[in-house]
Amino acid sequence: MTLLKNINLVSLPITPAGWEPSKAFYRETLGLRETFVADDFGWAQYGWEGGAEVALSRWDEGTPARTGGPIIVFTVDDALAAVAELRRRGVRCDDPVGVPGMVTYATFYDVEGNQLQLAGPPPAA
């Protein structure tokens, strides 16, 4: 079973104060194409057609602080099945989170405790 299909994106944590300047940096300074933005959700993606992207993830007030650097996000066909398989393999995984119309994702951890994520299709309506 092929569990992970590819590296979808690398997610960077962004403070609320840095949200607009960060979007401008990736879009204007670096000239990356803006491929998806959901300001109300605190998520923006930049990159090229068919390649891995850079995602900005806003960490608003009240959101638990995240330690560490960027998060690598892997594409999967089915987030629920992928989490079940990772757990079967002894990998520590958080429960999947479904965002209607957007994505189903889950955080999991390597042997050093680094956060990784997987992302699949949104939950069925």
Protein backbone atom coordinates (compact mmCIF):
# COMPACT_ATOMS: atom_id res chain seq x y z
CA MET A 1 0.00 0.00 0.00
CA THR A 2 1.37 3.39 -1.00
CA LEU A 3 0.54 5.54 1.98
CA LEU A 4 1.98 8.92 1.02
CA LYS A 5 1.70 10.14 -2.58
CA ASN A 6 3.96 13.21 -2.61
CA ILE A 7 4.98 16.30 -0.70
CA ASN A 8 2.04 18.62 -1.16
CA LEU A 9 3.43 21.67 0.60
CA VAL A 10 5.56 23.03 3.41
CA SER A 11 3.58 25.03 5.97
CA LEU A 12 5.10 27.98 7.82
CA PRO A 13 3.64 29.37 11.07
CA ILE A 14 2.78 33.08 10.77
CA THR A 15 1.82 35.49 13.56
CA PRO A 16 -1.33 37.58 13.16
CA ALA A 17 0.80 40.74 12.82
CA GLY A 18 2.88 39.10 10.12
CA TRP A 19 -0.06 37.75 8.08
CA GLU A 20 -0.44 40.53 5.48
CA PRO A 21 3.32 41.28 5.21
CA SER A 22 4.05 37.56 4.76
CA LYS A 23 1.48 37.18 2.01
CA ALA A 24 2.97 40.21 0.24
CA PHE A 25 6.50 38.81 0.62
CA TYR A 26 5.71 35.48 -1.05
CA ARG A 27 3.45 37.01 -3.71
CA GLU A 28 5.27 40.25 -4.54
CA THR A 29 8.87 40.01 -3.33
CA LEU A 30 9.44 36.38 -4.35
CA GLY A 31 6.95 36.50 -7.22
CA LEU A 32 5.24 33.21 -6.35
CA ARG A 33 1.77 32.60 -7.74
CA GLU A 34 -0.98 32.80 -5.13
CA THR A 35 -2.82 29.49 -5.58
CA PHE A 36 -5.25 29.56 -2.66
CA VAL A 37 -6.17 32.04 0.09
CA ALA A 38 -8.66 31.66 2.93
CA ASP A 39 -8.10 34.72 5.13
CA ASP A 40 -10.96 33.79 7.46
CA PHE A 41 -9.30 30.40 8.06
CA GLY A 42 -5.75 31.81 8.22
CA TRP A 43 -4.34 29.85 5.28
CA ALA A 44 -2.62 30.93 2.06
CA GLN A 45 -0.66 28.94 -0.54
CA TYR A 46 1.98 30.03 -3.06
CA GLY A 47 3.87 28.10 -5.72
CA TRP A 48 3.87 26.65 -9.21
CA GLU A 49 1.56 24.43 -11.19
CA GLY A 50 2.21 20.78 -10.39
CA GLY A 51 4.85 21.33 -7.70
CA ALA A 52 5.00 21.48 -3.94
CA GLU A 53 3.88 24.80 -2.51
CA VAL A 54 4.63 27.08 0.42
CA ALA A 55 1.67 27.52 2.76
CA LEU A 56 1.28 30.22 5.37
CA SER A 57 -0.63 29.14 8.47
CA ARG A 58 -1.75 31.99 10.74
CA TRP A 59 -1.56 31.21 14.46
CA ASP A 60 -4.22 33.49 15.95
CA GLU A 61 -4.69 34.46 19.58
CA GLY A 62 -6.06 31.54 21.56
CA THR A 63 -4.54 28.98 19.18
CA PRO A 64 -2.11 26.70 21.03
CA ALA A 65 1.45 27.75 20.26
CA ARG A 66 3.36 25.47 17.94
CA THR A 67 7.03 24.78 18.45
CA GLY A 68 9.51 23.83 15.78
CA GLY A 69 9.96 24.91 12.22
CA PRO A 70 8.02 24.29 9.03
CA ILE A 71 5.62 21.37 8.68
CA ILE A 72 5.90 19.08 5.66
CA VAL A 73 2.43 18.13 4.38
CA PHE A 74 2.01 14.90 2.41
CA THR A 75 -0.85 14.18 0.00
CA VAL A 76 -2.99 11.09 0.70
CA ASP A 77 -6.05 9.63 -1.00
CA ASP A 78 -7.92 9.13 2.29
CA ALA A 79 -6.84 10.90 5.49
CA LEU A 80 -8.84 8.61 7.79
CA ALA A 81 -7.35 5.45 6.27
CA ALA A 82 -3.85 6.96 6.30
CA VAL A 83 -4.10 7.80 10.01
CA ALA A 84 -5.35 4.28 10.76
CA GLU A 85 -2.41 2.78 8.84
CA LEU A 86 0.15 5.07 10.49
CA ARG A 87 -1.21 4.16 13.91
CA ARG A 88 -1.02 0.48 12.97
CA ARG A 89 2.66 1.10 12.19
CA GLY A 90 3.18 2.62 15.65
CA VAL A 91 3.19 6.27 14.60
CA ARG A 92 1.69 8.82 17.00
CA CYS A 93 -1.10 10.68 15.18
CA ASP A 94 -3.61 13.32 16.17
CA ASP A 95 -7.20 12.70 15.14
CA PRO A 96 -8.08 13.86 11.60
CA VAL A 97 -9.77 17.23 11.17
CA GLY A 98 -12.28 17.72 8.37
CA VAL A 99 -12.79 21.19 6.93
CA PRO A 100 -15.87 21.02 4.67
CA GLY A 101 -15.17 22.02 1.11
CA MET A 102 -11.42 22.29 1.74
CA VAL A 103 -9.49 19.35 3.21
CA THR A 104 -9.25 16.55 5.75
CA TYR A 105 -5.88 16.70 7.49
CA ALA A 106 -4.08 15.18 10.45
CA THR A 107 -0.85 15.89 12.28
CA PHE A 108 1.53 13.04 12.99
CA TYR A 109 5.00 12.91 14.52
CA ASP A 110 8.37 11.46 13.60
CA VAL A 111 10.62 9.72 16.12
CA GLU A 112 12.07 13.06 17.27
CA GLY A 113 8.62 14.60 17.80
CA ASN A 114 8.71 16.78 14.68
CA GLN A 115 5.26 17.59 13.37
CA LEU A 116 4.30 16.32 9.94
CA GLN A 117 0.87 16.42 8.32
CA LEU A 118 -1.14 14.53 5.78
CA ALA A 119 -3.92 16.02 3.72
CA GLY A 120 -6.66 14.40 1.69
CA PRO A 121 -10.04 15.23 0.19
CA PRO A 122 -12.56 17.15 2.31
CA PRO A 123 -15.17 15.24 4.29
CA ALA A 124 -18.23 14.06 2.41
CA ALA A 125 -21.13 16.48 2.69
